[in-house]
N, C-alpha and C. Protein backbone atom coordinates (compact mmCIF):
# COMPACT_ATOMS: atom_id res chain seq x y z
N UNK A 1 -189.53 52.62 198.23
CA UNK A 1 -188.14 52.54 198.63
C UNK A 1 -187.90 51.20 199.30
N UNK A 2 -186.70 50.73 199.08
CA UNK A 2 -186.34 49.44 199.68
C UNK A 2 -185.65 49.69 201.01
N UNK A 3 -185.47 48.61 201.72
CA UNK A 3 -184.78 48.70 203.01
C UNK A 3 -183.37 49.27 202.85
N UNK A 4 -182.68 48.88 201.79
CA UNK A 4 -181.32 49.40 201.59
C UNK A 4 -181.35 50.89 201.30
N UNK A 5 -182.39 51.38 200.62
CA UNK A 5 -182.48 52.82 200.37
C UNK A 5 -182.67 53.57 201.69
N UNK A 6 -183.56 53.05 202.54
CA UNK A 6 -183.77 53.67 203.85
C UNK A 6 -182.49 53.62 204.71
N UNK A 7 -181.84 52.48 204.63
CA UNK A 7 -180.60 52.31 205.40
C UNK A 7 -179.54 53.30 204.92
N UNK A 8 -179.39 53.42 203.62
CA UNK A 8 -178.41 54.35 203.05
C UNK A 8 -178.78 55.80 203.39
N UNK A 9 -180.07 56.13 203.26
CA UNK A 9 -180.53 57.49 203.56
C UNK A 9 -180.31 57.80 205.04
N UNK A 10 -180.61 56.86 205.93
CA UNK A 10 -180.42 57.04 207.37
C UNK A 10 -178.94 57.20 207.70
N UNK A 11 -178.09 56.39 207.06
CA UNK A 11 -176.64 56.47 207.30
C UNK A 11 -176.11 57.83 206.87
N UNK A 12 -176.53 58.30 205.72
CA UNK A 12 -176.07 59.60 205.23
C UNK A 12 -176.54 60.71 206.17
N UNK A 13 -177.80 60.62 206.63
CA UNK A 13 -178.34 61.63 207.53
C UNK A 13 -177.56 61.64 208.84
N UNK A 14 -177.32 60.48 209.44
CA UNK A 14 -176.62 60.41 210.72
C UNK A 14 -175.16 60.84 210.59
N UNK A 15 -174.50 60.45 209.51
CA UNK A 15 -173.11 60.86 209.29
C UNK A 15 -173.05 62.37 209.12
N UNK A 16 -173.98 62.94 208.38
CA UNK A 16 -174.04 64.38 208.17
C UNK A 16 -174.27 65.10 209.51
N UNK A 17 -175.21 64.59 210.32
CA UNK A 17 -175.47 65.19 211.63
C UNK A 17 -174.22 65.14 212.51
N UNK A 18 -173.57 63.98 212.50
CA UNK A 18 -172.36 63.82 213.33
C UNK A 18 -171.26 64.77 212.86
N UNK A 19 -171.06 64.86 211.56
CA UNK A 19 -170.05 65.77 211.02
C UNK A 19 -170.38 67.22 211.37
N UNK A 20 -171.65 67.60 211.27
CA UNK A 20 -172.07 68.96 211.63
C UNK A 20 -171.83 69.21 213.12
N UNK A 21 -172.15 68.21 213.94
CA UNK A 21 -171.93 68.33 215.38
C UNK A 21 -170.44 68.52 215.69
N UNK A 22 -169.60 67.72 215.06
CA UNK A 22 -168.15 67.83 215.26
C UNK A 22 -167.65 69.18 214.76
N UNK A 23 -168.16 69.59 213.60
CA UNK A 23 -167.74 70.86 213.03
C UNK A 23 -168.12 72.03 213.94
N UNK A 24 -169.34 72.02 214.46
CA UNK A 24 -169.79 73.08 215.37
C UNK A 24 -168.92 73.07 216.63
N UNK A 25 -168.67 71.88 217.15
CA UNK A 25 -167.84 71.76 218.37
C UNK A 25 -166.44 72.33 218.13
N UNK A 26 -165.85 71.98 216.99
CA UNK A 26 -164.50 72.47 216.68
C UNK A 26 -164.50 73.98 216.43
N UNK A 27 -165.55 74.49 215.84
CA UNK A 27 -165.64 75.94 215.63
C UNK A 27 -165.74 76.66 216.97
N UNK A 28 -166.52 76.08 217.90
CA UNK A 28 -166.62 76.67 219.24
C UNK A 28 -165.26 76.64 219.95
N UNK A 29 -164.55 75.52 219.84
CA UNK A 29 -163.21 75.43 220.44
C UNK A 29 -162.28 76.48 219.85
N UNK A 30 -162.32 76.61 218.52
CA UNK A 30 -161.46 77.59 217.85
C UNK A 30 -161.83 79.01 218.28
N UNK A 31 -163.12 79.27 218.45
CA UNK A 31 -163.57 80.58 218.90
C UNK A 31 -163.07 80.86 220.31
N UNK A 32 -163.17 79.86 221.19
CA UNK A 32 -162.68 80.03 222.57
C UNK A 32 -161.18 80.28 222.59
N UNK A 33 -160.47 79.52 221.79
CA UNK A 33 -159.02 79.70 221.72
C UNK A 33 -158.69 81.09 221.19
N UNK A 34 -159.43 81.52 220.16
CA UNK A 34 -159.19 82.85 219.59
C UNK A 34 -159.49 83.94 220.61
N UNK A 35 -160.52 83.72 221.45
CA UNK A 35 -160.84 84.71 222.47
C UNK A 35 -159.79 84.71 223.58
N UNK A 36 -159.26 83.53 223.89
CA UNK A 36 -158.25 83.43 224.96
C UNK A 36 -156.85 83.79 224.48
N UNK A 37 -156.64 83.79 223.17
CA UNK A 37 -155.30 84.02 222.63
C UNK A 37 -154.67 85.33 223.11
N UNK A 38 -155.38 86.46 223.08
CA UNK A 38 -154.74 87.70 223.55
C UNK A 38 -154.29 87.60 225.01
N UNK A 39 -155.12 86.97 225.84
CA UNK A 39 -154.76 86.83 227.25
C UNK A 39 -153.55 85.89 227.41
N UNK A 40 -153.56 84.80 226.67
CA UNK A 40 -152.43 83.87 226.73
C UNK A 40 -151.16 84.55 226.25
N UNK A 41 -151.26 85.28 225.14
CA UNK A 41 -150.09 85.99 224.61
C UNK A 41 -149.60 87.06 225.60
N UNK A 42 -150.53 87.75 226.25
CA UNK A 42 -150.15 88.77 227.23
C UNK A 42 -149.41 88.13 228.40
N UNK A 43 -149.91 86.99 228.89
CA UNK A 43 -149.26 86.30 230.00
C UNK A 43 -147.85 85.86 229.59
N UNK A 44 -147.73 85.31 228.39
CA UNK A 44 -146.42 84.87 227.91
C UNK A 44 -145.47 86.06 227.76
N UNK A 45 -145.98 87.16 227.22
CA UNK A 45 -145.15 88.35 227.05
C UNK A 45 -144.71 88.89 228.41
N UNK A 46 -145.64 88.94 229.37
CA UNK A 46 -145.30 89.42 230.72
C UNK A 46 -144.24 88.53 231.36
N UNK A 47 -144.39 87.23 231.16
CA UNK A 47 -143.41 86.29 231.71
C UNK A 47 -142.04 86.50 231.07
N UNK A 48 -142.03 86.68 229.75
CA UNK A 48 -140.78 86.93 229.04
C UNK A 48 -140.15 88.24 229.50
N UNK A 49 -140.98 89.28 229.65
CA UNK A 49 -140.49 90.59 230.10
C UNK A 49 -139.88 90.48 231.49
N UNK A 50 -140.53 89.74 232.38
CA UNK A 50 -140.02 89.56 233.74
C UNK A 50 -138.69 88.80 233.71
N UNK A 51 -138.60 87.78 232.88
CA UNK A 51 -137.34 87.02 232.76
C UNK A 51 -136.22 87.91 232.25
N UNK A 52 -136.54 88.76 231.28
CA UNK A 52 -135.53 89.67 230.73
C UNK A 52 -135.04 90.65 231.79
N UNK A 53 -135.97 91.19 232.57
CA UNK A 53 -135.61 92.13 233.63
C UNK A 53 -134.72 91.46 234.69
N UNK A 54 -135.07 90.22 235.06
CA UNK A 54 -134.28 89.49 236.04
C UNK A 54 -132.87 89.23 235.51
N UNK A 55 -132.77 88.85 234.25
CA UNK A 55 -131.46 88.57 233.65
C UNK A 55 -130.64 89.86 233.57
N UNK A 56 -131.28 90.97 233.22
CA UNK A 56 -130.57 92.25 233.15
C UNK A 56 -130.04 92.64 234.53
N UNK A 57 -130.84 92.43 235.56
CA UNK A 57 -130.41 92.75 236.92
C UNK A 57 -129.24 91.86 237.33
N UNK A 58 -129.34 90.57 236.97
CA UNK A 58 -128.27 89.64 237.30
C UNK A 58 -126.97 90.03 236.60
N UNK A 59 -127.07 90.38 235.32
CA UNK A 59 -125.88 90.79 234.56
C UNK A 59 -125.28 92.07 235.13
N UNK A 60 -126.15 93.01 235.50
CA UNK A 60 -125.66 94.27 236.08
C UNK A 60 -124.94 94.00 237.39
N UNK A 61 -125.52 93.14 238.21
CA UNK A 61 -124.90 92.80 239.49
C UNK A 61 -123.55 92.12 239.28
N UNK A 62 -123.50 91.19 238.30
CA UNK A 62 -122.24 90.50 238.01
C UNK A 62 -121.19 91.50 237.52
N UNK A 63 -121.59 92.47 236.70
CA UNK A 63 -120.65 93.47 236.20
C UNK A 63 -120.15 94.35 237.34
N UNK A 64 -121.07 94.74 238.25
CA UNK A 64 -120.66 95.54 239.40
C UNK A 64 -119.64 94.80 240.25
N UNK A 65 -119.86 93.51 240.45
CA UNK A 65 -118.92 92.70 241.24
C UNK A 65 -117.56 92.67 240.55
N UNK A 66 -117.55 92.48 239.22
CA UNK A 66 -116.29 92.46 238.48
C UNK A 66 -115.57 93.79 238.57
N UNK A 67 -116.34 94.89 238.46
CA UNK A 67 -115.73 96.22 238.56
C UNK A 67 -115.14 96.43 239.95
N UNK A 68 -115.87 96.01 240.98
CA UNK A 68 -115.37 96.16 242.35
C UNK A 68 -114.10 95.35 242.56
N UNK A 69 -114.08 94.14 242.00
CA UNK A 69 -112.88 93.30 242.13
C UNK A 69 -111.70 93.96 241.43
N UNK A 70 -111.94 94.53 240.25
CA UNK A 70 -110.86 95.21 239.53
C UNK A 70 -110.38 96.41 240.32
N UNK A 71 -111.30 97.18 240.86
CA UNK A 71 -110.95 98.36 241.65
C UNK A 71 -110.19 97.95 242.89
N UNK A 72 -110.67 96.89 243.56
CA UNK A 72 -109.99 96.41 244.77
C UNK A 72 -108.58 95.93 244.46
N UNK A 73 -108.41 95.23 243.35
CA UNK A 73 -107.08 94.76 242.97
C UNK A 73 -106.17 95.95 242.71
N UNK A 74 -106.70 96.96 242.01
CA UNK A 74 -105.92 98.16 241.74
C UNK A 74 -105.57 98.86 243.04
N UNK A 75 -106.56 98.98 243.95
CA UNK A 75 -106.32 99.64 245.22
C UNK A 75 -105.33 98.84 246.06
N UNK A 76 -105.44 97.51 246.05
CA UNK A 76 -104.51 96.68 246.82
C UNK A 76 -103.08 96.89 246.32
N UNK A 77 -102.89 96.91 245.01
CA UNK A 77 -101.53 97.11 244.49
C UNK A 77 -101.05 98.53 244.81
N UNK A 78 -101.95 99.48 244.79
CA UNK A 78 -101.58 100.86 245.12
C UNK A 78 -101.19 100.96 246.60
N UNK A 79 -101.94 100.27 247.46
CA UNK A 79 -101.64 100.26 248.89
C UNK A 79 -100.29 99.60 249.14
N UNK A 80 -100.03 98.48 248.47
CA UNK A 80 -98.74 97.78 248.63
C UNK A 80 -97.59 98.69 248.21
N UNK A 81 -97.77 99.37 247.09
CA UNK A 81 -96.72 100.26 246.61
C UNK A 81 -96.46 101.38 247.62
N UNK A 82 -97.55 101.94 248.15
CA UNK A 82 -97.41 103.01 249.14
C UNK A 82 -96.73 102.50 250.40
N UNK A 83 -97.12 101.31 250.86
CA UNK A 83 -96.48 100.72 252.05
C UNK A 83 -94.99 100.48 251.81
N UNK A 84 -94.64 100.03 250.64
CA UNK A 84 -93.21 99.83 250.31
C UNK A 84 -92.46 101.16 250.33
N UNK A 85 -93.10 102.20 249.81
CA UNK A 85 -92.45 103.52 249.83
C UNK A 85 -92.27 104.01 251.27
N UNK A 86 -93.30 103.79 252.09
CA UNK A 86 -93.22 104.19 253.51
C UNK A 86 -92.09 103.42 254.20
N UNK A 87 -92.00 102.14 253.91
CA UNK A 87 -90.94 101.31 254.51
C UNK A 87 -89.56 101.84 254.09
N UNK A 88 -89.43 102.21 252.81
CA UNK A 88 -88.17 102.77 252.34
C UNK A 88 -87.84 104.08 253.03
N UNK A 89 -88.87 104.91 253.20
CA UNK A 89 -88.66 106.19 253.91
C UNK A 89 -88.25 105.93 255.35
N UNK A 90 -88.90 104.96 256.01
CA UNK A 90 -88.54 104.62 257.40
C UNK A 90 -87.09 104.15 257.49
N UNK A 91 -86.64 103.38 256.52
CA UNK A 91 -85.24 102.92 256.53
C UNK A 91 -84.30 104.11 256.37
N UNK A 92 -84.65 105.04 255.50
CA UNK A 92 -83.82 106.24 255.33
C UNK A 92 -83.79 107.07 256.60
N UNK A 93 -84.93 107.17 257.27
CA UNK A 93 -84.98 107.92 258.54
C UNK A 93 -84.11 107.22 259.58
N UNK A 94 -84.18 105.89 259.65
CA UNK A 94 -83.34 105.14 260.59
C UNK A 94 -81.86 105.40 260.31
N UNK A 95 -81.47 105.34 259.03
CA UNK A 95 -80.08 105.60 258.67
C UNK A 95 -79.67 107.03 259.04
N UNK A 96 -80.56 107.95 258.76
CA UNK A 96 -80.30 109.34 259.10
C UNK A 96 -80.12 109.50 260.60
N UNK A 97 -81.01 108.86 261.38
CA UNK A 97 -80.89 108.93 262.85
C UNK A 97 -79.59 108.31 263.34
N UNK A 98 -79.20 107.19 262.76
CA UNK A 98 -77.94 106.55 263.16
C UNK A 98 -76.76 107.46 262.86
N UNK A 99 -76.79 108.09 261.69
CA UNK A 99 -75.72 108.99 261.33
C UNK A 99 -75.66 110.19 262.29
N UNK A 100 -76.80 110.71 262.64
CA UNK A 100 -76.84 111.85 263.57
C UNK A 100 -76.34 111.40 264.93
N UNK A 101 -76.77 110.23 265.39
CA UNK A 101 -76.36 109.73 266.71
C UNK A 101 -74.85 109.46 266.74
N UNK A 102 -74.31 109.00 265.65
CA UNK A 102 -72.88 108.74 265.57
C UNK A 102 -72.08 110.05 265.60
N UNK A 103 -72.62 111.09 265.05
CA UNK A 103 -71.93 112.36 265.02
C UNK A 103 -72.02 113.05 266.36
N UNK A 104 -72.98 112.75 267.15
CA UNK A 104 -73.12 113.44 268.43
C UNK A 104 -72.25 112.84 269.45
């Protein structure tokens, strides 16, 4: 064998070893990722679930506030109407009293 044959054979051997080393390393990484994937997915799912629950609570609270405001507005208008009726009744009582006092 000539020097170039040895050089070529050595280059092929070293390239093959390096490729095998890289391949084994990448397979190990893929295996680790595959083993960690369920845990990573569970953490992401738990985080998503927590975000959904927080948003649902926020929406419920916002709806309760809107309902209370609507109820308060309705109650305020009902109170105003009642107060106006009471004022009208008081005026009628005053007129009635004046009429009675004038007759006496």
